[in-house]
Amino acid sequence: MERFDKKGMMIYPSPIRKIIREKEKVLVIKECYCPRGHSLINPRAVFNGFEGIELKVRAGDREGRIVLSSIVGDKSRVAIGIDLKSGGNLATFAMLEAL
């Protein structure tokens, strides 16, 4: 098993990858935009070979970003600059700059 991809990024094993390979069809979100028209698809965050969806979020007085898997039904995500708490609420808001 390889440790790094072609871009030099570390590969993390994912149990959902096997499930995806075994399915004949997988629904993937290829385009997603904020209300201001910026693309939310982030090519730097890849989940099982598909680019992730980056959202800017706020929880109380804390702000950060969450990158979600673009595979429908996959609950994989990465939080950047904010801690996710079970049962907590997050508010999303428009990205101020294009990705």
PDB file of N, CA and C in Angstrom:
ATOM      1  N   MET A   1       0.838  -1.181   0.000  1.00  0.00           N
ATOM      2  CA  MET A   1       0.000   0.000   0.000  1.00  0.00           C
ATOM      3  C   MET A   1       0.880   1.241   0.000  1.00  0.00           C
ATOM      4  N   GLU A   2       0.562   2.195  -0.865  1.00  0.00           N
ATOM      5  CA  GLU A   2       1.348   3.410  -0.956  1.00  0.00           C
ATOM      6  C   GLU A   2       1.004   4.359   0.188  1.00  0.00           C
ATOM      7  N   ARG A   3       2.007   5.143   0.637  1.00  0.00           N
ATOM      8  CA  ARG A   3       1.793   6.087   1.729  1.00  0.00           C
ATOM      9  C   ARG A   3       1.495   7.495   1.242  1.00  0.00           C
ATOM     10  N   PHE A   4       1.955   7.824   0.014  1.00  0.00           N
ATOM     11  CA  PHE A   4       1.784   9.170  -0.511  1.00  0.00           C
ATOM     12  C   PHE A   4       1.202   9.112  -1.916  1.00  0.00           C
ATOM     13  N   ASP A   5       0.378  10.114  -2.264  1.00  0.00           N
ATOM     14  CA  ASP A   5      -0.178  10.170  -3.614  1.00  0.00           C
ATOM     15  C   ASP A   5       0.786  10.891  -4.552  1.00  0.00           C
ATOM     16  N   LYS A   6       0.355  11.136  -5.802  1.00  0.00           N
ATOM     17  CA  LYS A   6       1.219  11.766  -6.805  1.00  0.00           C
ATOM     18  C   LYS A   6       1.624  13.185  -6.424  1.00  0.00           C
ATOM     19  N   LYS A   7       0.819  13.860  -5.612  1.00  0.00           N
ATOM     20  CA  LYS A   7       1.118  15.230  -5.194  1.00  0.00           C
ATOM     21  C   LYS A   7       1.973  15.278  -3.930  1.00  0.00           C
ATOM     22  N   GLY A   8       2.308  14.115  -3.372  1.00  0.00           N
ATOM     23  CA  GLY A   8       3.096  14.065  -2.155  1.00  0.00           C
ATOM     24  C   GLY A   8       2.266  14.142  -0.887  1.00  0.00           C
ATOM     25  N   MET A   9       0.938  14.095  -1.024  1.00  0.00           N
ATOM     26  CA  MET A   9       0.055  14.153   0.138  1.00  0.00           C
ATOM     27  C   MET A   9      -0.081  12.757   0.738  1.00  0.00           C
ATOM     28  N   MET A  10      -0.149  12.690   2.071  1.00  0.00           N
ATOM     29  CA  MET A  10      -0.274  11.408   2.748  1.00  0.00           C
ATOM     30  C   MET A  10      -1.649  10.803   2.476  1.00  0.00           C
ATOM     31  N   ILE A  11      -1.681   9.506   2.235  1.00  0.00           N
ATOM     32  CA  ILE A  11      -2.918   8.779   1.975  1.00  0.00           C
ATOM     33  C   ILE A  11      -3.389   8.149   3.282  1.00  0.00           C
ATOM     34  N   TYR A  12      -4.615   8.475   3.683  1.00  0.00           N
ATOM     35  CA  TYR A  12      -5.201   7.878   4.877  1.00  0.00           C
ATOM     36  C   TYR A  12      -6.172   6.789   4.444  1.00  0.00           C
ATOM     37  N   PRO A  13      -6.032   5.575   4.988  1.00  0.00           N
ATOM     38  CA  PRO A  13      -6.951   4.498   4.613  1.00  0.00           C
ATOM     39  C   PRO A  13      -8.378   4.850   5.025  1.00  0.00           C
ATOM     40  N   SER A  14      -9.326   4.504   4.193  1.00  0.00           N
ATOM     41  CA  SER A  14     -10.719   4.809   4.475  1.00  0.00           C
ATOM     42  C   SER A  14     -11.564   3.555   4.295  1.00  0.00           C
ATOM     43  N   PRO A  15     -12.331   3.181   5.331  1.00  0.00           N
ATOM     44  CA  PRO A  15     -13.178   1.996   5.195  1.00  0.00           C
ATOM     45  C   PRO A  15     -14.273   2.186   4.158  1.00  0.00           C
ATOM     46  N   ILE A  16     -14.673   3.431   3.908  1.00  0.00           N
ATOM     47  CA  ILE A  16     -15.734   3.661   2.924  1.00  0.00           C
ATOM     48  C   ILE A  16     -15.234   3.450   1.504  1.00  0.00           C
ATOM     49  N   ARG A  17     -13.923   3.548   1.277  1.00  0.00           N
ATOM     50  CA  ARG A  17     -13.375   3.360  -0.073  1.00  0.00           C
ATOM     51  C   ARG A  17     -13.741   1.980  -0.613  1.00  0.00           C
ATOM     52  N   LYS A  18     -13.655   0.941   0.235  1.00  0.00           N
ATOM     53  CA  LYS A  18     -14.004  -0.410  -0.195  1.00  0.00           C
ATOM     54  C   LYS A  18     -15.479  -0.480  -0.571  1.00  0.00           C
ATOM     55  N   ILE A  19     -16.319   0.166   0.208  1.00  0.00           N
ATOM     56  CA  ILE A  19     -17.752   0.170  -0.072  1.00  0.00           C
ATOM     57  C   ILE A  19     -18.017   0.856  -1.408  1.00  0.00           C
ATOM     58  N   ILE A  20     -17.343   1.968  -1.654  1.00  0.00           N
ATOM     59  CA  ILE A  20     -17.533   2.717  -2.899  1.00  0.00           C
ATOM     60  C   ILE A  20     -17.083   1.896  -4.096  1.00  0.00           C
ATOM     61  N   ARG A  21     -15.947   1.199  -3.966  1.00  0.00           N
ATOM     62  CA  ARG A  21     -15.454   0.374  -5.076  1.00  0.00           C
ATOM     63  C   ARG A  21     -16.409  -0.757  -5.399  1.00  0.00           C
ATOM     64  N   GLU A  22     -17.096  -1.284  -4.377  1.00  0.00           N
ATOM     65  CA  GLU A  22     -17.994  -2.409  -4.591  1.00  0.00           C
ATOM     66  C   GLU A  22     -19.325  -1.982  -5.208  1.00  0.00           C
ATOM     67  N   LYS A  23     -19.706  -0.720  -5.041  1.00  0.00           N
ATOM     68  CA  LYS A  23     -20.951  -0.235  -5.631  1.00  0.00           C
ATOM     69  C   LYS A  23     -20.742   0.031  -7.112  1.00  0.00           C
ATOM     70  N   GLU A  24     -21.785  -0.225  -7.879  1.00  0.00           N
ATOM     71  CA  GLU A  24     -21.702   0.052  -9.311  1.00  0.00           C
ATOM     72  C   GLU A  24     -21.842   1.540  -9.588  1.00  0.00           C
ATOM     73  N   LYS A  25     -22.707   2.213  -8.832  1.00  0.00           N
ATOM     74  CA  LYS A  25     -22.943   3.631  -9.058  1.00  0.00           C
ATOM     75  C   LYS A  25     -22.826   4.386  -7.741  1.00  0.00           C
ATOM     76  N   VAL A  26     -22.173   5.548  -7.810  1.00  0.00           N
ATOM     77  CA  VAL A  26     -22.031   6.411  -6.649  1.00  0.00           C
ATOM     78  C   VAL A  26     -22.444   7.810  -7.085  1.00  0.00           C
ATOM     79  N   LEU A  27     -23.244   8.488  -6.270  1.00  0.00           N
ATOM     80  CA  LEU A  27     -23.675   9.846  -6.578  1.00  0.00           C
ATOM     81  C   LEU A  27     -22.683  10.830  -5.961  1.00  0.00           C
ATOM     82  N   VAL A  28     -22.081  11.673  -6.808  1.00  0.00           N
ATOM     83  CA  VAL A  28     -21.059  12.624  -6.368  1.00  0.00           C
ATOM     84  C   VAL A  28     -21.480  14.031  -6.783  1.00  0.00           C
ATOM     85  N   ILE A  29     -21.338  14.974  -5.870  1.00  0.00           N
ATOM     86  CA  ILE A  29     -21.617  16.383  -6.168  1.00  0.00           C
ATOM     87  C   ILE A  29     -20.387  16.956  -6.856  1.00  0.00           C
ATOM     88  N   LYS A  30     -20.523  17.352  -8.106  1.00  0.00           N
ATOM     89  CA  LYS A  30     -19.399  17.869  -8.899  1.00  0.00           C
ATOM     90  C   LYS A  30     -19.320  19.389  -8.871  1.00  0.00           C
ATOM     91  N   GLU A  31     -20.455  20.068  -8.677  1.00  0.00           N
ATOM     92  CA  GLU A  31     -20.496  21.527  -8.639  1.00  0.00           C
ATOM     93  C   GLU A  31     -21.339  21.970  -7.455  1.00  0.00           C
ATOM     94  N   CYS A  32     -20.855  22.985  -6.733  1.00  0.00           N
ATOM     95  CA  CYS A  32     -21.570  23.520  -5.582  1.00  0.00           C
ATOM     96  C   CYS A  32     -21.106  24.965  -5.410  1.00  0.00           C
ATOM     97  N   TYR A  33     -22.049  25.894  -5.261  1.00  0.00           N
ATOM     98  CA  TYR A  33     -21.702  27.312  -5.205  1.00  0.00           C
ATOM     99  C   TYR A  33     -22.343  27.988  -3.999  1.00  0.00           C
ATOM    100  N   CYS A  34     -21.678  29.029  -3.487  1.00  0.00           N
ATOM    101  CA  CYS A  34     -22.246  29.848  -2.423  1.00  0.00           C
ATOM    102  C   CYS A  34     -23.232  30.829  -3.060  1.00  0.00           C
ATOM    103  N   PRO A  35     -24.028  31.556  -2.249  1.00  0.00           N
ATOM    104  CA  PRO A  35     -24.983  32.513  -2.819  1.00  0.00           C
ATOM    105  C   PRO A  35     -24.327  33.607  -3.663  1.00  0.00           C
ATOM    106  N   ARG A  36     -23.047  33.854  -3.457  1.00  0.00           N
ATOM    107  CA  ARG A  36     -22.335  34.878  -4.230  1.00  0.00           C
ATOM    108  C   ARG A  36     -21.712  34.314  -5.505  1.00  0.00           C
ATOM    109  N   GLY A  37     -21.893  33.030  -5.751  1.00  0.00           N
ATOM    110  CA  GLY A  37     -21.413  32.426  -6.992  1.00  0.00           C
ATOM    111  C   GLY A  37     -20.035  31.808  -6.936  1.00  0.00           C
ATOM    112  N   HIS A  38     -19.387  31.782  -5.755  1.00  0.00           N
ATOM    113  CA  HIS A  38     -18.071  31.157  -5.635  1.00  0.00           C
ATOM    114  C   HIS A  38     -18.219  29.641  -5.548  1.00  0.00           C
ATOM    115  N   SER A  39     -17.324  28.935  -6.192  1.00  0.00           N
ATOM    116  CA  SER A  39     -17.332  27.475  -6.122  1.00  0.00           C
ATOM    117  C   SER A  39     -16.893  27.032  -4.731  1.00  0.00           C
ATOM    118  N   LEU A  40     -17.605  26.080  -4.151  1.00  0.00           N
ATOM    119  CA  LEU A  40     -17.253  25.532  -2.845  1.00  0.00           C
ATOM    120  C   LEU A  40     -16.450  24.242  -2.968  1.00  0.00           C
ATOM    121  N   ILE A  41     -16.236  23.780  -4.191  1.00  0.00           N
ATOM    122  CA  ILE A  41     -15.446  22.571  -4.418  1.00  0.00           C
ATOM    123  C   ILE A  41     -13.976  22.912  -4.206  1.00  0.00           C
ATOM    124  N   ASN A  42     -13.311  22.132  -3.351  1.00  0.00           N
ATOM    125  CA  ASN A  42     -11.914  22.389  -3.012  1.00  0.00           C
ATOM    126  C   ASN A  42     -11.045  21.246  -3.530  1.00  0.00           C
ATOM    127  N   PRO A  43     -10.200  21.504  -4.536  1.00  0.00           N
ATOM    128  CA  PRO A  43      -9.353  20.444  -5.091  1.00  0.00           C
ATOM    129  C   PRO A  43      -8.229  20.011  -4.153  1.00  0.00           C
ATOM    130  N   ARG A  44      -7.976  20.774  -3.088  1.00  0.00           N
ATOM    131  CA  ARG A  44      -6.909  20.410  -2.141  1.00  0.00           C
ATOM    132  C   ARG A  44      -7.383  19.413  -1.093  1.00  0.00           C
ATOM    133  N   ALA A  45      -8.685  19.233  -0.957  1.00  0.00           N
ATOM    134  CA  ALA A  45      -9.241  18.278   0.004  1.00  0.00           C
ATOM    135  C   ALA A  45      -9.935  17.174  -0.785  1.00  0.00           C
ATOM    136  N   VAL A  46      -9.342  15.995  -0.798  1.00  0.00           N
ATOM    137  CA  VAL A  46      -9.857  14.892  -1.608  1.00  0.00           C
ATOM    138  C   VAL A  46     -10.328  13.764  -0.692  1.00  0.00           C
ATOM    139  N   PHE A  47     -11.541  13.300  -0.926  1.00  0.00           N
ATOM    140  CA  PHE A  47     -12.110  12.183  -0.187  1.00  0.00           C
ATOM    141  C   PHE A  47     -12.356  11.047  -1.169  1.00  0.00           C
ATOM    142  N   ASN A  48     -11.657   9.953  -1.008  1.00  0.00           N
ATOM    143  CA  ASN A  48     -11.834   8.769  -1.851  1.00  0.00           C
ATOM    144  C   ASN A  48     -11.758   9.093  -3.339  1.00  0.00           C
ATOM    145  N   GLY A  49     -10.855   9.987  -3.689  1.00  0.00           N
ATOM    146  CA  GLY A  49     -10.639  10.333  -5.087  1.00  0.00           C
ATOM    147  C   GLY A  49     -11.523  11.455  -5.617  1.00  0.00           C
ATOM    148  N   PHE A  50     -12.405  12.005  -4.782  1.00  0.00           N
ATOM    149  CA  PHE A  50     -13.299  13.087  -5.201  1.00  0.00           C
ATOM    150  C   PHE A  50     -13.024  14.336  -4.369  1.00  0.00           C
ATOM    151  N   GLU A  51     -13.077  15.503  -5.028  1.00  0.00           N
ATOM    152  CA  GLU A  51     -12.803  16.769  -4.355  1.00  0.00           C
ATOM    153  C   GLU A  51     -13.891  17.075  -3.331  1.00  0.00           C
ATOM    154  N   GLY A  52     -13.492  17.695  -2.205  1.00  0.00           N
ATOM    155  CA  GLY A  52     -14.416  17.997  -1.121  1.00  0.00           C
ATOM    156  C   GLY A  52     -15.144  19.320  -1.305  1.00  0.00           C
ATOM    157  N   ILE A  53     -16.110  19.562  -0.420  1.00  0.00           N
ATOM    158  CA  ILE A  53     -16.901  20.793  -0.416  1.00  0.00           C
ATOM    159  C   ILE A  53     -16.517  21.571   0.837  1.00  0.00           C
ATOM    160  N   GLU A  54     -15.990  22.786   0.656  1.00  0.00           N
ATOM    161  CA  GLU A  54     -15.516  23.592   1.785  1.00  0.00           C
ATOM    162  C   GLU A  54     -16.555  24.639   2.167  1.00  0.00           C
ATOM    163  N   LEU A  55     -16.891  24.683   3.463  1.00  0.00           N
ATOM    164  CA  LEU A  55     -17.858  25.641   3.990  1.00  0.00           C
ATOM    165  C   LEU A  55     -17.215  26.451   5.104  1.00  0.00           C
ATOM    166  N   LYS A  56     -17.536  27.722   5.170  1.00  0.00           N
ATOM    167  CA  LYS A  56     -17.109  28.560   6.283  1.00  0.00           C
ATOM    168  C   LYS A  56     -18.220  28.478   7.325  1.00  0.00           C
ATOM    169  N   VAL A  57     -17.864  28.187   8.590  1.00  0.00           N
ATOM    170  CA  VAL A  57     -18.874  27.960   9.624  1.00  0.00           C
ATOM    171  C   VAL A  57     -18.586  28.797  10.861  1.00  0.00           C
ATOM    172  N   ARG A  58     -19.647  28.965  11.664  1.00  0.00           N
ATOM    173  CA  ARG A  58     -19.539  29.699  12.917  1.00  0.00           C
ATOM    174  C   ARG A  58     -20.293  28.918  13.983  1.00  0.00           C
ATOM    175  N   ALA A  59     -19.668  28.792  15.158  1.00  0.00           N
ATOM    176  CA  ALA A  59     -20.311  28.177  16.320  1.00  0.00           C
ATOM    177  C   ALA A  59     -20.106  29.139  17.486  1.00  0.00           C
ATOM    178  N   GLY A  60     -21.141  29.886  17.827  1.00  0.00           N
ATOM    179  CA  GLY A  60     -20.994  30.911  18.862  1.00  0.00           C
ATOM    180  C   GLY A  60     -20.061  32.008  18.378  1.00  0.00           C
ATOM    181  N   ASP A  61     -18.978  32.244  19.126  1.00  0.00           N
ATOM    182  CA  ASP A  61     -18.004  33.272  18.731  1.00  0.00           C
ATOM    183  C   ASP A  61     -16.817  32.686  17.971  1.00  0.00           C
ATOM    184  N   ARG A  62     -16.843  31.394  17.701  1.00  0.00           N
ATOM    185  CA  ARG A  62     -15.742  30.734  16.981  1.00  0.00           C
ATOM    186  C   ARG A  62     -16.081  30.576  15.506  1.00  0.00           C
ATOM    187  N   GLU A  63     -15.073  30.763  14.656  1.00  0.00           N
ATOM    188  CA  GLU A  63     -15.236  30.578  13.216  1.00  0.00           C
ATOM    189  C   GLU A  63     -14.190  29.604  12.704  1.00  0.00           C
ATOM    190  N   GLY A  64     -14.512  28.905  11.648  1.00  0.00           N
ATOM    191  CA  GLY A  64     -13.575  27.974  11.029  1.00  0.00           C
ATOM    192  C   GLY A  64     -14.138  27.493   9.704  1.00  0.00           C
ATOM    193  N   ARG A  65     -13.556  26.441   9.203  1.00  0.00           N
ATOM    194  CA  ARG A  65     -13.999  25.853   7.936  1.00  0.00           C
ATOM    195  C   ARG A  65     -14.184  24.353   8.126  1.00  0.00           C
ATOM    196  N   ILE A  66     -15.120  23.819   7.388  1.00  0.00           N
ATOM    197  CA  ILE A  66     -15.341  22.377   7.374  1.00  0.00           C
ATOM    198  C   ILE A  66     -15.320  21.943   5.918  1.00  0.00           C
ATOM    199  N   VAL A  67     -14.605  20.872   5.647  1.00  0.00           N
ATOM    200  CA  VAL A  67     -14.595  20.302   4.302  1.00  0.00           C
ATOM    201  C   VAL A  67     -15.331  18.971   4.383  1.00  0.00           C
ATOM    202  N   LEU A  68     -16.368  18.836   3.568  1.00  0.00           N
ATOM    203  CA  LEU A  68     -17.212  17.645   3.549  1.00  0.00           C
ATOM    204  C   LEU A  68     -16.920  16.808   2.316  1.00  0.00           C
ATOM    205  N   SER A  69     -17.116  15.515   2.437  1.00  0.00           N
ATOM    206  CA  SER A  69     -17.006  14.639   1.275  1.00  0.00           C
ATOM    207  C   SER A  69     -18.114  14.981   0.290  1.00  0.00           C
ATOM    208  N   SER A  70     -17.798  14.967  -0.995  1.00  0.00           N
ATOM    209  CA  SER A  70     -18.804  15.263  -2.024  1.00  0.00           C
ATOM    210  C   SER A  70     -19.574  14.010  -2.453  1.00  0.00           C
ATOM    211  N   ILE A  71     -19.285  12.887  -1.821  1.00  0.00           N
ATOM    212  CA  ILE A  71     -19.985  11.637  -2.112  1.00  0.00           C
ATOM    213  C   ILE A  71     -21.254  11.595  -1.264  1.00  0.00           C
ATOM    214  N   VAL A  72     -22.402  11.511  -1.907  1.00  0.00           N
ATOM    215  CA  VAL A  72     -23.669  11.490  -1.186  1.00  0.00           C
ATOM    216  C   VAL A  72     -23.720  10.250  -0.298  1.00  0.00           C
ATOM    217  N   GLY A  73     -23.983  10.458   0.990  1.00  0.00           N
ATOM    218  CA  GLY A  73     -24.046   9.366   1.952  1.00  0.00           C
ATOM    219  C   GLY A  73     -22.765   9.158   2.736  1.00  0.00           C
ATOM    220  N   ASP A  74     -21.644   9.721   2.267  1.00  0.00           N
ATOM    221  CA  ASP A  74     -20.366   9.613   2.974  1.00  0.00           C
ATOM    222  C   ASP A  74     -20.317  10.716   4.024  1.00  0.00           C
ATOM    223  N   LYS A  75     -20.098  10.360   5.275  1.00  0.00           N
ATOM    224  CA  LYS A  75     -20.100  11.335   6.362  1.00  0.00           C
ATOM    225  C   LYS A  75     -18.700  11.826   6.715  1.00  0.00           C
ATOM    226  N   SER A  76     -17.725  11.598   5.841  1.00  0.00           N
ATOM    227  CA  SER A  76     -16.353  12.042   6.094  1.00  0.00           C
ATOM    228  C   SER A  76     -16.287  13.558   6.046  1.00  0.00           C
ATOM    229  N   ARG A  77     -15.496  14.127   6.962  1.00  0.00           N
ATOM    230  CA  ARG A  77     -15.329  15.571   7.002  1.00  0.00           C
ATOM    231  C   ARG A  77     -14.039  15.915   7.726  1.00  0.00           C
ATOM    232  N   VAL A  78     -13.564  17.132   7.486  1.00  0.00           N
ATOM    233  CA  VAL A  78     -12.373  17.644   8.154  1.00  0.00           C
ATOM    234  C   VAL A  78     -12.709  19.035   8.660  1.00  0.00           C
ATOM    235  N   ALA A  79     -12.424  19.307   9.930  1.00  0.00           N
ATOM    236  CA  ALA A  79     -12.645  20.631  10.510  1.00  0.00           C
ATOM    237  C   ALA A  79     -11.315  21.374  10.545  1.00  0.00           C
ATOM    238  N   ILE A  80     -11.337  22.644  10.122  1.00  0.00           N
ATOM    239  CA  ILE A  80     -10.135  23.469  10.091  1.00  0.00           C
ATOM    240  C   ILE A  80     -10.406  24.717  10.926  1.00  0.00           C
ATOM    241  N   GLY A  81      -9.681  24.864  12.019  1.00  0.00           N
ATOM    242  CA  GLY A  81      -9.807  26.061  12.848  1.00  0.00           C
ATOM    243  C   GLY A  81     -10.996  26.084  13.784  1.00  0.00           C
ATOM    244  N   ILE A  82     -11.703  24.968  13.915  1.00  0.00           N
ATOM    245  CA  ILE A  82     -12.856  24.904  14.809  1.00  0.00           C
ATOM    246  C   ILE A  82     -13.020  23.462  15.281  1.00  0.00           C
ATOM    247  N   ASP A  83     -13.401  23.297  16.544  1.00  0.00           N
ATOM    248  CA  ASP A  83     -13.638  21.961  17.083  1.00  0.00           C
ATOM    249  C   ASP A  83     -15.112  21.614  16.937  1.00  0.00           C
ATOM    250  N   LEU A  84     -15.381  20.420  16.435  1.00  0.00           N
ATOM    251  CA  LEU A  84     -16.755  19.954  16.289  1.00  0.00           C
ATOM    252  C   LEU A  84     -17.180  19.266  17.578  1.00  0.00           C
ATOM    253  N   LYS A  85     -18.363  19.617  18.070  1.00  0.00           N
ATOM    254  CA  LYS A  85     -18.887  19.000  19.281  1.00  0.00           C
ATOM    255  C   LYS A  85     -20.158  18.247  18.935  1.00  0.00           C
ATOM    256  N   SER A  86     -20.310  17.061  19.508  1.00  0.00           N
ATOM    257  CA  SER A  86     -21.500  16.256  19.262  1.00  0.00           C
ATOM    258  C   SER A  86     -22.739  17.018  19.726  1.00  0.00           C
ATOM    259  N   GLY A  87     -23.723  17.115  18.860  1.00  0.00           N
ATOM    260  CA  GLY A  87     -24.960  17.806  19.197  1.00  0.00           C
ATOM    261  C   GLY A  87     -24.890  19.315  19.069  1.00  0.00           C
ATOM    262  N   GLY A  88     -23.734  19.850  18.701  1.00  0.00           N
ATOM    263  CA  GLY A  88     -23.587  21.298  18.557  1.00  0.00           C
ATOM    264  C   GLY A  88     -24.174  21.799  17.253  1.00  0.00           C
ATOM    265  N   ASN A  89     -24.519  23.069  17.222  1.00  0.00           N
ATOM    266  CA  ASN A  89     -25.069  23.689  16.016  1.00  0.00           C
ATOM    267  C   ASN A  89     -24.026  24.574  15.359  1.00  0.00           C
ATOM    268  N   LEU A  90     -23.995  24.552  14.043  1.00  0.00           N
ATOM    269  CA  LEU A  90     -23.092  25.395  13.265  1.00  0.00           C
ATOM    270  C   LEU A  90     -23.915  26.235  12.306  1.00  0.00           C
ATOM    271  N   ALA A  91     -23.472  27.468  12.090  1.00  0.00           N
ATOM    272  CA  ALA A  91     -24.088  28.332  11.082  1.00  0.00           C
ATOM    273  C   ALA A  91     -23.104  28.461   9.933  1.00  0.00           C
ATOM    274  N   THR A  92     -23.592  28.317   8.708  1.00  0.00           N
ATOM    275  CA  THR A  92     -22.725  28.505   7.542  1.00  0.00           C
ATOM    276  C   THR A  92     -22.927  29.919   7.028  1.00  0.00           C
ATOM    277  N   PHE A  93     -21.874  30.476   6.442  1.00  0.00           N
ATOM    278  CA  PHE A  93     -22.007  31.783   5.818  1.00  0.00           C
ATOM    279  C   PHE A  93     -21.117  31.845   4.604  1.00  0.00           C
ATOM    280  N   ALA A  94     -21.404  32.798   3.724  1.00  0.00           N
ATOM    281  CA  ALA A  94     -20.751  32.878   2.413  1.00  0.00           C
ATOM    282  C   ALA A  94     -19.250  33.073   2.547  1.00  0.00           C
ATOM    283  N   MET A  95     -18.514  32.431   1.655  1.00  0.00           N
ATOM    284  CA  MET A  95     -17.071  32.627   1.576  1.00  0.00           C
ATOM    285  C   MET A  95     -16.837  34.034   1.044  1.00  0.00           C
ATOM    286  N   LEU A  96     -15.891  34.747   1.618  1.00  0.00           N
ATOM    287  CA  LEU A  96     -15.622  36.116   1.185  1.00  0.00           C
ATOM    288  C   LEU A  96     -14.700  36.171  -0.014  1.00  0.00           C
ATOM    289  N   GLU A  97     -13.950  35.117  -0.228  1.00  0.00           N
ATOM    290  CA  GLU A  97     -13.022  35.084  -1.357  1.00  0.00           C
ATOM    291  C   GLU A  97     -13.247  33.803  -2.140  1.00  0.00           C
ATOM    292  N   ALA A  98     -12.877  33.822  -3.380  1.00  0.00           N
ATOM    293  CA  ALA A  98     -12.982  32.617  -4.204  1.00  0.00           C
ATOM    294  C   ALA A  98     -11.903  31.640  -3.781  1.00  0.00           C
ATOM    295  N   LEU A  99     -12.218  30.354  -3.838  1.00  0.00           N
ATOM    296  CA  LEU A  99     -11.227  29.328  -3.479  1.00  0.00           C
ATOM    297  C   LEU A  99     -10.269  29.102  -4.605  1.00  0.00           C
TER     298      LEU A  99
END
